Amino acid sequence: MALVEGFYATSLLKAFLLNALALAIVAVGAIELRQLLSDEKSNAYLFFNSFLDGETLSEIQKGFIVFASSFVFSIITYIAMYLLFGYGGGLLSAKAALSPQFRKLSPLKRLVTSVIHK
């Protein structure tokens, strides 16, 4: 069961709204991180610069950092959307996802079960 009942992606409008919400969260995270990396005195810049060689971060390094971080942001966002709204559950096509026993599980147990059985 999702935490927010009744707002499943059962229509195009709801699906578009939920996807737009997920996309906006990821985009804001990426943009904010890129802005933090532009300031050489920010904690984010200092954190990533401590792992990479050189005195300053190059534009390519910043781009890679933002890309990798956006991927992590999106995984976290989609897991949160799944737990809150049940969003993305319709993308499952494995036989286990179609079984009645799997459908009775909570979203968190479904997520853990689908990862463990891979």
PDB file of N, CA and C in Angstrom:
ATOM      1  N   MET A   1       0.833  -1.189   0.000  1.00  0.00           N
ATOM      2  CA  MET A   1       0.000   0.000   0.000  1.00  0.00           C
ATOM      3  C   MET A   1       0.880   1.256   0.000  1.00  0.00           C
ATOM      4  N   ALA A   2       0.502   2.179  -0.808  1.00  0.00           N
ATOM      5  CA  ALA A   2       1.227   3.452  -0.854  1.00  0.00           C
ATOM      6  C   ALA A   2       0.791   4.321   0.322  1.00  0.00           C
ATOM      7  N   LEU A   3       1.637   5.224   0.741  1.00  0.00           N
ATOM      8  CA  LEU A   3       1.299   6.114   1.853  1.00  0.00           C
ATOM      9  C   LEU A   3       0.204   7.103   1.464  1.00  0.00           C
ATOM     10  N   VAL A   4       0.224   7.544   0.210  1.00  0.00           N
ATOM     11  CA  VAL A   4      -0.810   8.457  -0.289  1.00  0.00           C
ATOM     12  C   VAL A   4      -1.770   7.635  -1.138  1.00  0.00           C
ATOM     13  N   GLU A   5      -2.902   7.287  -0.567  1.00  0.00           N
ATOM     14  CA  GLU A   5      -3.876   6.450  -1.262  1.00  0.00           C
ATOM     15  C   GLU A   5      -4.666   7.270  -2.279  1.00  0.00           C
ATOM     16  N   GLY A   6      -5.030   6.642  -3.370  1.00  0.00           N
ATOM     17  CA  GLY A   6      -5.918   7.270  -4.345  1.00  0.00           C
ATOM     18  C   GLY A   6      -5.225   8.143  -5.371  1.00  0.00           C
ATOM     19  N   PHE A   7      -3.910   8.249  -5.317  1.00  0.00           N
ATOM     20  CA  PHE A   7      -3.231   9.055  -6.331  1.00  0.00           C
ATOM     21  C   PHE A   7      -2.260   8.193  -7.116  1.00  0.00           C
ATOM     22  N   TYR A   8      -2.760   7.054  -7.560  1.00  0.00           N
ATOM     23  CA  TYR A   8      -1.979   6.193  -8.432  1.00  0.00           C
ATOM     24  C   TYR A   8      -2.018   6.761  -9.844  1.00  0.00           C
ATOM     25  N   ALA A   9      -1.076   6.363 -10.654  1.00  0.00           N
ATOM     26  CA  ALA A   9      -1.014   6.836 -12.038  1.00  0.00           C
ATOM     27  C   ALA A   9      -2.002   6.049 -12.896  1.00  0.00           C
ATOM     28  N   THR A  10      -3.284   6.230 -12.604  1.00  0.00           N
ATOM     29  CA  THR A  10      -4.327   5.482 -13.316  1.00  0.00           C
ATOM     30  C   THR A  10      -4.871   6.231 -14.517  1.00  0.00           C
ATOM     31  N   SER A  11      -4.515   7.477 -14.676  1.00  0.00           N
ATOM     32  CA  SER A  11      -4.917   8.242 -15.860  1.00  0.00           C
ATOM     33  C   SER A  11      -3.688   8.964 -16.398  1.00  0.00           C
ATOM     34  N   LEU A  12      -3.791   9.442 -17.626  1.00  0.00           N
ATOM     35  CA  LEU A  12      -2.655  10.154 -18.205  1.00  0.00           C
ATOM     36  C   LEU A  12      -2.295  11.388 -17.391  1.00  0.00           C
ATOM     37  N   LEU A  13      -3.286  12.119 -16.927  1.00  0.00           N
ATOM     38  CA  LEU A  13      -3.023  13.327 -16.161  1.00  0.00           C
ATOM     39  C   LEU A  13      -2.252  13.011 -14.878  1.00  0.00           C
ATOM     40  N   LYS A  14      -2.712  12.009 -14.129  1.00  0.00           N
ATOM     41  CA  LYS A  14      -2.018  11.640 -12.893  1.00  0.00           C
ATOM     42  C   LYS A  14      -0.608  11.118 -13.180  1.00  0.00           C
ATOM     43  N   ALA A  15      -0.462  10.318 -14.231  1.00  0.00           N
ATOM     44  CA  ALA A  15       0.858   9.791 -14.588  1.00  0.00           C
ATOM     45  C   ALA A  15       1.800  10.920 -14.971  1.00  0.00           C
ATOM     46  N   PHE A  16       1.310  11.878 -15.759  1.00  0.00           N
ATOM     47  CA  PHE A  16       2.138  13.014 -16.160  1.00  0.00           C
ATOM     48  C   PHE A  16       2.504  13.875 -14.955  1.00  0.00           C
ATOM     49  N   LEU A  17       1.556  14.085 -14.047  1.00  0.00           N
ATOM     50  CA  LEU A  17       1.836  14.894 -12.851  1.00  0.00           C
ATOM     51  C   LEU A  17       2.880  14.221 -11.956  1.00  0.00           C
ATOM     52  N   LEU A  18       2.744  12.935 -11.759  1.00  0.00           N
ATOM     53  CA  LEU A  18       3.709  12.224 -10.913  1.00  0.00           C
ATOM     54  C   LEU A  18       5.092  12.197 -11.559  1.00  0.00           C
ATOM     55  N   ASN A  19       5.138  11.983 -12.875  1.00  0.00           N
ATOM     56  CA  ASN A  19       6.431  11.983 -13.554  1.00  0.00           C
ATOM     57  C   ASN A  19       7.051  13.381 -13.547  1.00  0.00           C
ATOM     58  N   ALA A  20       6.234  14.412 -13.733  1.00  0.00           N
ATOM     59  CA  ALA A  20       6.743  15.780 -13.692  1.00  0.00           C
ATOM     60  C   ALA A  20       7.289  16.113 -12.303  1.00  0.00           C
ATOM     61  N   LEU A  21       6.636  15.621 -11.260  1.00  0.00           N
ATOM     62  CA  LEU A  21       7.121  15.827  -9.899  1.00  0.00           C
ATOM     63  C   LEU A  21       8.493  15.165  -9.715  1.00  0.00           C
ATOM     64  N   ALA A  22       8.624  13.924 -10.153  1.00  0.00           N
ATOM     65  CA  ALA A  22       9.902  13.219 -10.032  1.00  0.00           C
ATOM     66  C   ALA A  22      10.990  13.925 -10.833  1.00  0.00           C
ATOM     67  N   LEU A  23      10.666  14.324 -12.044  1.00  0.00           N
ATOM     68  CA  LEU A  23      11.640  15.006 -12.892  1.00  0.00           C
ATOM     69  C   LEU A  23      12.065  16.343 -12.296  1.00  0.00           C
ATOM     70  N   ALA A  24      11.118  17.085 -11.737  1.00  0.00           N
ATOM     71  CA  ALA A  24      11.440  18.385 -11.134  1.00  0.00           C
ATOM     72  C   ALA A  24      12.362  18.228  -9.932  1.00  0.00           C
ATOM     73  N   ILE A  25      12.130  17.212  -9.130  1.00  0.00           N
ATOM     74  CA  ILE A  25      12.990  16.979  -7.963  1.00  0.00           C
ATOM     75  C   ILE A  25      14.415  16.687  -8.406  1.00  0.00           C
ATOM     76  N   VAL A  26      14.569  15.828  -9.398  1.00  0.00           N
ATOM     77  CA  VAL A  26      15.904  15.479  -9.892  1.00  0.00           C
ATOM     78  C   VAL A  26      16.570  16.698 -10.541  1.00  0.00           C
ATOM     79  N   ALA A  27      15.814  17.454 -11.329  1.00  0.00           N
ATOM     80  CA  ALA A  27      16.380  18.630 -12.004  1.00  0.00           C
ATOM     81  C   ALA A  27      16.847  19.675 -10.999  1.00  0.00           C
ATOM     82  N   VAL A  28      16.050  19.921  -9.972  1.00  0.00           N
ATOM     83  CA  VAL A  28      16.442  20.899  -8.951  1.00  0.00           C
ATOM     84  C   VAL A  28      17.714  20.440  -8.238  1.00  0.00           C
ATOM     85  N   GLY A  29      17.786  19.154  -7.918  1.00  0.00           N
ATOM     86  CA  GLY A  29      18.989  18.638  -7.270  1.00  0.00           C
ATOM     87  C   GLY A  29      20.225  18.820  -8.138  1.00  0.00           C
ATOM     88  N   ALA A  30      20.105  18.526  -9.443  1.00  0.00           N
ATOM     89  CA  ALA A  30      21.241  18.666 -10.351  1.00  0.00           C
ATOM     90  C   ALA A  30      21.649  20.127 -10.525  1.00  0.00           C
ATOM     91  N   ILE A  31      20.681  20.992 -10.688  1.00  0.00           N
ATOM     92  CA  ILE A  31      20.984  22.419 -10.881  1.00  0.00           C
ATOM     93  C   ILE A  31      21.633  23.014  -9.638  1.00  0.00           C
ATOM     94  N   GLU A  32      21.095  22.676  -8.485  1.00  0.00           N
ATOM     95  CA  GLU A  32      21.660  23.207  -7.245  1.00  0.00           C
ATOM     96  C   GLU A  32      23.081  22.695  -7.020  1.00  0.00           C
ATOM     97  N   LEU A  33      23.321  21.425  -7.316  1.00  0.00           N
ATOM     98  CA  LEU A  33      24.669  20.895  -7.161  1.00  0.00           C
ATOM     99  C   LEU A  33      25.628  21.592  -8.121  1.00  0.00           C
ATOM    100  N   ARG A  34      25.193  21.805  -9.357  1.00  0.00           N
ATOM    101  CA  ARG A  34      26.056  22.487 -10.337  1.00  0.00           C
ATOM    102  C   ARG A  34      26.380  23.901  -9.874  1.00  0.00           C
ATOM    103  N   GLN A  35      25.412  24.572  -9.291  1.00  0.00           N
ATOM    104  CA  GLN A  35      25.683  25.921  -8.780  1.00  0.00           C
ATOM    105  C   GLN A  35      26.645  25.887  -7.599  1.00  0.00           C
ATOM    106  N   LEU A  36      26.501  24.886  -6.746  1.00  0.00           N
ATOM    107  CA  LEU A  36      27.432  24.748  -5.625  1.00  0.00           C
ATOM    108  C   LEU A  36      28.850  24.470  -6.114  1.00  0.00           C
ATOM    109  N   LEU A  37      28.970  23.715  -7.200  1.00  0.00           N
ATOM    110  CA  LEU A  37      30.294  23.416  -7.741  1.00  0.00           C
ATOM    111  C   LEU A  37      30.926  24.615  -8.431  1.00  0.00           C
ATOM    112  N   SER A  38      30.134  25.625  -8.739  1.00  0.00           N
ATOM    113  CA  SER A  38      30.678  26.840  -9.344  1.00  0.00           C
ATOM    114  C   SER A  38      31.384  27.722  -8.315  1.00  0.00           C
ATOM    115  N   ASP A  39      31.029  27.555  -7.059  1.00  0.00           N
ATOM    116  CA  ASP A  39      31.634  28.333  -5.982  1.00  0.00           C
ATOM    117  C   ASP A  39      32.757  27.516  -5.355  1.00  0.00           C
ATOM    118  N   GLU A  40      33.992  27.951  -5.537  1.00  0.00           N
ATOM    119  CA  GLU A  40      35.144  27.203  -5.055  1.00  0.00           C
ATOM    120  C   GLU A  40      35.253  27.158  -3.533  1.00  0.00           C
ATOM    121  N   LYS A  41      34.450  27.940  -2.843  1.00  0.00           N
ATOM    122  CA  LYS A  41      34.484  27.945  -1.379  1.00  0.00           C
ATOM    123  C   LYS A  41      33.345  27.135  -0.755  1.00  0.00           C
ATOM    124  N   SER A  42      32.466  26.581  -1.599  1.00  0.00           N
ATOM    125  CA  SER A  42      31.331  25.833  -1.053  1.00  0.00           C
ATOM    126  C   SER A  42      31.802  24.477  -0.527  1.00  0.00           C
ATOM    127  N   ASN A  43      31.045  23.935   0.400  1.00  0.00           N
ATOM    128  CA  ASN A  43      31.377  22.636   0.987  1.00  0.00           C
ATOM    129  C   ASN A  43      31.330  21.526  -0.052  1.00  0.00           C
ATOM    130  N   ALA A  44      30.372  21.610  -0.989  1.00  0.00           N
ATOM    131  CA  ALA A  44      30.267  20.584  -2.030  1.00  0.00           C
ATOM    132  C   ALA A  44      31.506  20.594  -2.918  1.00  0.00           C
ATOM    133  N   TYR A  45      31.966  21.782  -3.298  1.00  0.00           N
ATOM    134  CA  TYR A  45      33.170  21.904  -4.134  1.00  0.00           C
ATOM    135  C   TYR A  45      34.374  21.336  -3.385  1.00  0.00           C
ATOM    136  N   LEU A  46      34.539  21.717  -2.146  1.00  0.00           N
ATOM    137  CA  LEU A  46      35.672  21.241  -1.362  1.00  0.00           C
ATOM    138  C   LEU A  46      35.620  19.721  -1.156  1.00  0.00           C
ATOM    139  N   PHE A  47      34.420  19.200  -0.963  1.00  0.00           N
ATOM    140  CA  PHE A  47      34.259  17.755  -0.780  1.00  0.00           C
ATOM    141  C   PHE A  47      34.713  16.994  -2.020  1.00  0.00           C
ATOM    142  N   PHE A  48      34.197  17.367  -3.196  1.00  0.00           N
ATOM    143  CA  PHE A  48      34.550  16.649  -4.419  1.00  0.00           C
ATOM    144  C   PHE A  48      35.994  16.930  -4.845  1.00  0.00           C
ATOM    145  N   ASN A  49      36.478  18.119  -4.592  1.00  0.00           N
ATOM    146  CA  ASN A  49      37.851  18.465  -4.966  1.00  0.00           C
ATOM    147  C   ASN A  49      38.863  17.661  -4.145  1.00  0.00           C
ATOM    148  N   SER A  50      38.487  17.267  -2.934  1.00  0.00           N
ATOM    149  CA  SER A  50      39.406  16.479  -2.098  1.00  0.00           C
ATOM    150  C   SER A  50      39.622  15.078  -2.665  1.00  0.00           C
ATOM    151  N   PHE A  51      38.682  14.568  -3.479  1.00  0.00           N
ATOM    152  CA  PHE A  51      38.811  13.237  -4.068  1.00  0.00           C
ATOM    153  C   PHE A  51      39.539  13.236  -5.400  1.00  0.00           C
ATOM    154  N   LEU A  52      39.560  14.363  -6.093  1.00  0.00           N
ATOM    155  CA  LEU A  52      40.119  14.431  -7.438  1.00  0.00           C
ATOM    156  C   LEU A  52      41.438  15.174  -7.445  1.00  0.00           C
ATOM    157  N   ASP A  53      42.298  14.785  -8.380  1.00  0.00           N
ATOM    158  CA  ASP A  53      43.604  15.428  -8.496  1.00  0.00           C
ATOM    159  C   ASP A  53      43.459  16.830  -9.076  1.00  0.00           C
ATOM    160  N   GLY A  54      44.375  17.695  -8.718  1.00  0.00           N
ATOM    161  CA  GLY A  54      44.380  19.049  -9.257  1.00  0.00           C
ATOM    162  C   GLY A  54      43.974  20.057  -8.206  1.00  0.00           C
ATOM    163  N   GLU A  55      44.285  21.304  -8.525  1.00  0.00           N
ATOM    164  CA  GLU A  55      43.944  22.379  -7.593  1.00  0.00           C
ATOM    165  C   GLU A  55      42.491  22.795  -7.703  1.00  0.00           C
ATOM    166  N   THR A  56      41.943  22.726  -8.918  1.00  0.00           N
ATOM    167  CA  THR A  56      40.546  23.099  -9.132  1.00  0.00           C
ATOM    168  C   THR A  56      39.858  22.005  -9.931  1.00  0.00           C
ATOM    169  N   LEU A  57      38.541  21.993  -9.873  1.00  0.00           N
ATOM    170  CA  LEU A  57      37.753  21.040 -10.660  1.00  0.00           C
ATOM    171  C   LEU A  57      37.605  21.578 -12.082  1.00  0.00           C
ATOM    172  N   SER A  58      37.844  20.719 -13.069  1.00  0.00           N
ATOM    173  CA  SER A  58      37.635  21.127 -14.463  1.00  0.00           C
ATOM    174  C   SER A  58      36.145  21.040 -14.784  1.00  0.00           C
ATOM    175  N   GLU A  59      35.765  21.621 -15.918  1.00  0.00           N
ATOM    176  CA  GLU A  59      34.356  21.561 -16.331  1.00  0.00           C
ATOM    177  C   GLU A  59      33.929  20.126 -16.600  1.00  0.00           C
ATOM    178  N   ILE A  60      34.839  19.312 -17.125  1.00  0.00           N
ATOM    179  CA  ILE A  60      34.522  17.898 -17.384  1.00  0.00           C
ATOM    180  C   ILE A  60      34.298  17.164 -16.064  1.00  0.00           C
ATOM    181  N   GLN A  61      35.129  17.440 -15.067  1.00  0.00           N
ATOM    182  CA  GLN A  61      34.951  16.809 -13.758  1.00  0.00           C
ATOM    183  C   GLN A  61      33.629  17.243 -13.127  1.00  0.00           C
ATOM    184  N   LYS A  62      33.316  18.523 -13.233  1.00  0.00           N
ATOM    185  CA  LYS A  62      32.037  19.012 -12.693  1.00  0.00           C
ATOM    186  C   LYS A  62      30.861  18.336 -13.396  1.00  0.00           C
ATOM    187  N   GLY A  63      30.965  18.206 -14.723  1.00  0.00           N
ATOM    188  CA  GLY A  63      29.894  17.549 -15.476  1.00  0.00           C
ATOM    189  C   GLY A  63      29.706  16.106 -15.060  1.00  0.00           C
ATOM    190  N   PHE A  64      30.807  15.398 -14.869  1.00  0.00           N
ATOM    191  CA  PHE A  64      30.724  14.010 -14.430  1.00  0.00           C
ATOM    192  C   PHE A  64      30.124  13.910 -13.031  1.00  0.00           C
ATOM    193  N   ILE A  65      30.532  14.802 -12.144  1.00  0.00           N
ATOM    194  CA  ILE A  65      29.996  14.805 -10.772  1.00  0.00           C
ATOM    195  C   ILE A  65      28.487  15.049 -10.792  1.00  0.00           C
ATOM    196  N   VAL A  66      28.050  16.018 -11.589  1.00  0.00           N
ATOM    197  CA  VAL A  66      26.620  16.327 -11.674  1.00  0.00           C
ATOM    198  C   VAL A  66      25.861  15.156 -12.292  1.00  0.00           C
ATOM    199  N   PHE A  67      26.429  14.530 -13.332  1.00  0.00           N
ATOM    200  CA  PHE A  67      25.783  13.380 -13.963  1.00  0.00           C
ATOM    201  C   PHE A  67      25.605  12.234 -12.968  1.00  0.00           C
ATOM    202  N   ALA A  68      26.685  11.860 -12.295  1.00  0.00           N
ATOM    203  CA  ALA A  68      26.631  10.761 -11.334  1.00  0.00           C
ATOM    204  C   ALA A  68      25.689  11.080 -10.172  1.00  0.00           C
ATOM    205  N   SER A  69      25.745  12.307  -9.697  1.00  0.00           N
ATOM    206  CA  SER A  69      24.860  12.708  -8.595  1.00  0.00           C
ATOM    207  C   SER A  69      23.407  12.722  -9.034  1.00  0.00           C
ATOM    208  N   SER A  70      23.142  13.135 -10.257  1.00  0.00           N
ATOM    209  CA  SER A  70      21.769  13.133 -10.779  1.00  0.00           C
ATOM    210  C   SER A  70      21.221  11.716 -10.858  1.00  0.00           C
ATOM    211  N   PHE A  71      22.077  10.776 -11.214  1.00  0.00           N
ATOM    212  CA  PHE A  71      21.659   9.378 -11.238  1.00  0.00           C
ATOM    213  C   PHE A  71      21.247   8.921  -9.840  1.00  0.00           C
ATOM    214  N   VAL A  72      22.068   9.256  -8.859  1.00  0.00           N
ATOM    215  CA  VAL A  72      21.752   8.887  -7.472  1.00  0.00           C
ATOM    216  C   VAL A  72      20.483   9.612  -7.016  1.00  0.00           C
ATOM    217  N   PHE A  73      20.359  10.907  -7.347  1.00  0.00           N
ATOM    218  CA  PHE A  73      19.148  11.658  -7.001  1.00  0.00           C
ATOM    219  C   PHE A  73      17.913  10.972  -7.595  1.00  0.00           C
ATOM    220  N   SER A  74      18.026  10.530  -8.845  1.00  0.00           N
ATOM    221  CA  SER A  74      16.860   9.936  -9.497  1.00  0.00           C
ATOM    222  C   SER A  74      16.485   8.596  -8.877  1.00  0.00           C
ATOM    223  N   ILE A  75      17.470   7.778  -8.516  1.00  0.00           N
ATOM    224  CA  ILE A  75      17.162   6.507  -7.855  1.00  0.00           C
ATOM    225  C   ILE A  75      16.447   6.764  -6.539  1.00  0.00           C
ATOM    226  N   ILE A  76      16.961   7.690  -5.753  1.00  0.00           N
ATOM    227  CA  ILE A  76      16.339   8.020  -4.462  1.00  0.00           C
ATOM    228  C   ILE A  76      14.941   8.590  -4.681  1.00  0.00           C
ATOM    229  N   THR A  77      14.799   9.462  -5.667  1.00  0.00           N
ATOM    230  CA  THR A  77      13.499  10.073  -5.950  1.00  0.00           C
ATOM    231  C   THR A  77      12.476   9.029  -6.375  1.00  0.00           C
ATOM    232  N   TYR A  78      12.858   8.124  -7.275  1.00  0.00           N
ATOM    233  CA  TYR A  78      11.907   7.117  -7.739  1.00  0.00           C
ATOM    234  C   TYR A  78      11.554   6.111  -6.641  1.00  0.00           C
ATOM    235  N   ILE A  79      12.501   5.810  -5.755  1.00  0.00           N
ATOM    236  CA  ILE A  79      12.163   4.943  -4.616  1.00  0.00           C
ATOM    237  C   ILE A  79      11.179   5.664  -3.695  1.00  0.00           C
ATOM    238  N   ALA A  80      11.412   6.948  -3.438  1.00  0.00           N
ATOM    239  CA  ALA A  80      10.487   7.719  -2.595  1.00  0.00           C
ATOM    240  C   ALA A  80       9.112   7.820  -3.252  1.00  0.00           C
ATOM    241  N   MET A  81       9.090   8.050  -4.564  1.00  0.00           N
ATOM    242  CA  MET A  81       7.804   8.135  -5.280  1.00  0.00           C
ATOM    243  C   MET A  81       7.068   6.794  -5.225  1.00  0.00           C
ATOM    244  N   TYR A  82       7.824   5.715  -5.308  1.00  0.00           N
ATOM    245  CA  TYR A  82       7.201   4.393  -5.223  1.00  0.00           C
ATOM    246  C   TYR A  82       6.611   4.158  -3.836  1.00  0.00           C
ATOM    247  N   LEU A  83       7.366   4.535  -2.806  1.00  0.00           N
ATOM    248  CA  LEU A  83       6.869   4.328  -1.442  1.00  0.00           C
ATOM    249  C   LEU A  83       5.695   5.243  -1.112  1.00  0.00           C
ATOM    250  N   LEU A  84       5.714   6.477  -1.623  1.00  0.00           N
ATOM    251  CA  LEU A  84       4.644   7.424  -1.326  1.00  0.00           C
ATOM    252  C   LEU A  84       3.394   7.195  -2.174  1.00  0.00           C
ATOM    253  N   PHE A  85       3.584   7.019  -3.486  1.00  0.00           N
ATOM    254  CA  PHE A  85       2.455   6.985  -4.408  1.00  0.00           C
ATOM    255  C   PHE A  85       2.265   5.649  -5.119  1.00  0.00           C
ATOM    256  N   GLY A  86       3.172   4.702  -4.911  1.00  0.00           N
ATOM    257  CA  GLY A  86       3.108   3.459  -5.678  1.00  0.00           C
ATOM    258  C   GLY A  86       3.521   3.690  -7.121  1.00  0.00           C
ATOM    259  N   TYR A  87       4.218   4.793  -7.377  1.00  0.00           N
ATOM    260  CA  TYR A  87       4.593   5.187  -8.731  1.00  0.00           C
ATOM    261  C   TYR A  87       5.673   4.271  -9.283  1.00  0.00           C
ATOM    262  N   GLY A  88       5.481   3.794 -10.495  1.00  0.00           N
ATOM    263  CA  GLY A  88       6.453   2.946 -11.151  1.00  0.00           C
ATOM    264  C   GLY A  88       6.168   1.475 -11.003  1.00  0.00           C
ATOM    265  N   GLY A  89       5.210   1.109 -10.188  1.00  0.00           N
ATOM    266  CA  GLY A  89       4.878  -0.302 -10.007  1.00  0.00           C
ATOM    267  C   GLY A  89       4.355  -0.947 -11.272  1.00  0.00           C
ATOM    268  N   GLY A  90       3.759  -0.170 -12.147  1.00  0.00           N
ATOM    269  CA  GLY A  90       3.246  -0.694 -13.412  1.00  0.00           C
ATOM    270  C   GLY A  90       4.337  -1.024 -14.405  1.00  0.00           C
ATOM    271  N   LEU A  91       5.565  -0.641 -14.109  1.00  0.00           N
ATOM    272  CA  LEU A  91       6.675  -0.937 -15.005  1.00  0.00           C
ATOM    273  C   LEU A  91       7.197  -2.354 -14.815  1.00  0.00           C
ATOM    274  N   LEU A  92       6.763  -3.028 -13.759  1.00  0.00           N
ATOM    275  CA  LEU A  92       7.214  -4.389 -13.497  1.00  0.00           C
ATOM    276  C   LEU A  92       6.540  -5.353 -14.447  1.00  0.00           C
ATOM    277  N   SER A  93       7.310  -6.251 -15.020  1.00  0.00           N
ATOM    278  CA  SER A  93       6.717  -7.231 -15.922  1.00  0.00           C
ATOM    279  C   SER A  93       7.165  -8.657 -15.599  1.00  0.00           C
ATOM    280  N   ALA A  94       7.892  -8.833 -14.515  1.00  0.00           N
ATOM    281  CA  ALA A  94       8.343 -10.165 -14.142  1.00  0.00           C
ATOM    282  C   ALA A  94       7.161 -11.008 -13.667  1.00  0.00           C
ATOM    283  N   LYS A  95       7.298 -12.307 -13.774  1.00  0.00           N
ATOM    284  CA  LYS A  95       6.218 -13.199 -13.350  1.00  0.00           C
ATOM    285  C   LYS A  95       5.902 -13.033 -11.872  1.00  0.00           C
ATOM    286  N   ALA A  96       6.937 -12.792 -11.068  1.00  0.00           N
ATOM    287  CA  ALA A  96       6.720 -12.623  -9.626  1.00  0.00           C
ATOM    288  C   ALA A  96       5.840 -11.407  -9.356  1.00  0.00           C
ATOM    289  N   ALA A  97       5.950 -10.370 -10.166  1.00  0.00           N
ATOM    290  CA  ALA A  97       5.164  -9.159  -9.953  1.00  0.00           C
ATOM    291  C   ALA A  97       3.694  -9.382 -10.264  1.00  0.00           C
ATOM    292  N   LEU A  98       3.393 -10.391 -11.057  1.00  0.00           N
ATOM    293  CA  LEU A  98       2.009 -10.651 -11.418  1.00  0.00           C
ATOM    294  C   LEU A  98       1.305 -11.575 -10.439  1.00  0.00           C
ATOM    295  N   SER A  99       2.045 -12.210  -9.553  1.00  0.00           N
ATOM    296  CA  SER A  99       1.436 -13.163  -8.634  1.00  0.00           C
ATOM    297  C   SER A  99       0.634 -12.440  -7.551  1.00  0.00           C
ATOM    298  N   PRO A 100      -0.455 -13.062  -7.094  1.00  0.00           N
ATOM    299  CA  PRO A 100      -1.265 -12.449  -6.039  1.00  0.00           C
ATOM    300  C   PRO A 100      -0.494 -12.245  -4.732  1.00  0.00           C
ATOM    301  N   GLN A 101       0.444 -13.151  -4.420  1.00  0.00           N
ATOM    302  CA  GLN A 101       1.221 -13.016  -3.194  1.00  0.00           C
ATOM    303  C   GLN A 101       2.085 -11.752  -3.248  1.00  0.00           C
ATOM    304  N   PHE A 102       2.641 -11.455  -4.414  1.00  0.00           N
ATOM    305  CA  PHE A 102       3.484 -10.268  -4.569  1.00  0.00           C
ATOM    306  C   PHE A 102       2.655  -9.004  -4.431  1.00  0.00           C
ATOM    307  N   ARG A 103       1.450  -9.007  -4.968  1.00  0.00           N
ATOM    308  CA  ARG A 103       0.588  -7.817  -4.912  1.00  0.00           C
ATOM    309  C   ARG A 103       0.134  -7.496  -3.496  1.00  0.00           C
ATOM    310  N   LYS A 104       0.096  -8.483  -2.615  1.00  0.00           N
ATOM    311  CA  LYS A 104      -0.342  -8.259  -1.243  1.00  0.00           C
ATOM    312  C   LYS A 104       0.735  -7.614  -0.378  1.00  0.00           C
ATOM    313  N   LEU A 105       1.980  -7.623  -0.838  1.00  0.00           N
ATOM    314  CA  LEU A 105       3.079  -7.058  -0.060  1.00  0.00           C
ATOM    315  C   LEU A 105       3.015  -5.538  -0.059  1.00  0.00           C
ATOM    316  N   SER A 106       3.590  -4.940   0.970  1.00  0.00           N
ATOM    317  CA  SER A 106       3.687  -3.484   1.032  1.00  0.00           C
ATOM    318  C   SER A 106       4.700  -3.026  -0.025  1.00  0.00           C
ATOM    319  N   PRO A 107       4.669  -1.749  -0.438  1.00  0.00           N
ATOM    320  CA  PRO A 107       5.616  -1.272  -1.448  1.00  0.00           C
ATOM    321  C   PRO A 107       7.080  -1.501  -1.075  1.00  0.00           C
ATOM    322  N   LEU A 108       7.425  -1.323   0.200  1.00  0.00           N
ATOM    323  CA  LEU A 108       8.803  -1.531   0.616  1.00  0.00           C
ATOM    324  C   LEU A 108       9.197  -3.002   0.483  1.00  0.00           C
ATOM    325  N   LYS A 109       8.312  -3.905   0.899  1.00  0.00           N
ATOM    326  CA  LYS A 109       8.604  -5.333   0.777  1.00  0.00           C
ATOM    327  C   LYS A 109       8.671  -5.749  -0.694  1.00  0.00           C
ATOM    328  N   ARG A 110       7.817  -5.146  -1.547  1.00  0.00           N
ATOM    329  CA  ARG A 110       7.889  -5.435  -2.985  1.00  0.00           C
ATOM    330  C   ARG A 110       9.237  -5.032  -3.542  1.00  0.00           C
ATOM    331  N   LEU A 111       9.693  -3.856  -3.158  1.00  0.00           N
ATOM    332  CA  LEU A 111      10.975  -3.355  -3.652  1.00  0.00           C
ATOM    333  C   LEU A 111      12.111  -4.262  -3.226  1.00  0.00           C
ATOM    334  N   VAL A 112      12.136  -4.633  -1.952  1.00  0.00           N
ATOM    335  CA  VAL A 112      13.196  -5.503  -1.440  1.00  0.00           C
ATOM    336  C   VAL A 112      13.108  -6.876  -2.089  1.00  0.00           C
ATOM    337  N   THR A 113      11.902  -7.420  -2.234  1.00  0.00           N
ATOM    338  CA  THR A 113      11.726  -8.732  -2.844  1.00  0.00           C
ATOM    339  C   THR A 113      12.185  -8.738  -4.291  1.00  0.00           C
ATOM    340  N   SER A 114      11.860  -7.695  -5.035  1.00  0.00           N
ATOM    341  CA  SER A 114      12.239  -7.672  -6.449  1.00  0.00           C
ATOM    342  C   SER A 114      13.751  -7.518  -6.614  1.00  0.00           C
ATOM    343  N   VAL A 115      14.429  -6.846  -5.693  1.00  0.00           N
ATOM    344  CA  VAL A 115      15.873  -6.687  -5.777  1.00  0.00           C
ATOM    345  C   VAL A 115      16.566  -7.996  -5.372  1.00  0.00           C
ATOM    346  N   ILE A 116      16.067  -8.657  -4.355  1.00  0.00           N
ATOM    347  CA  ILE A 116      16.693  -9.876  -3.853  1.00  0.00           C
ATOM    348  C   ILE A 116      16.570 -11.020  -4.866  1.00  0.00           C
ATOM    349  N   HIS A 117      15.453 -11.122  -5.562  1.00  0.00           N
ATOM    350  CA  HIS A 117      15.215 -12.235  -6.473  1.00  0.00           C
ATOM    351  C   HIS A 117      15.835 -12.053  -7.842  1.00  0.00           C
ATOM    352  N   LYS A 118      16.596 -11.009  -8.048  1.00  0.00           N
ATOM    353  CA  LYS A 118      17.247 -10.800  -9.360  1.00  0.00           C
ATOM    354  C   LYS A 118      18.464 -11.643  -9.489  1.00  0.00           C
TER     355      LYS A 118
END
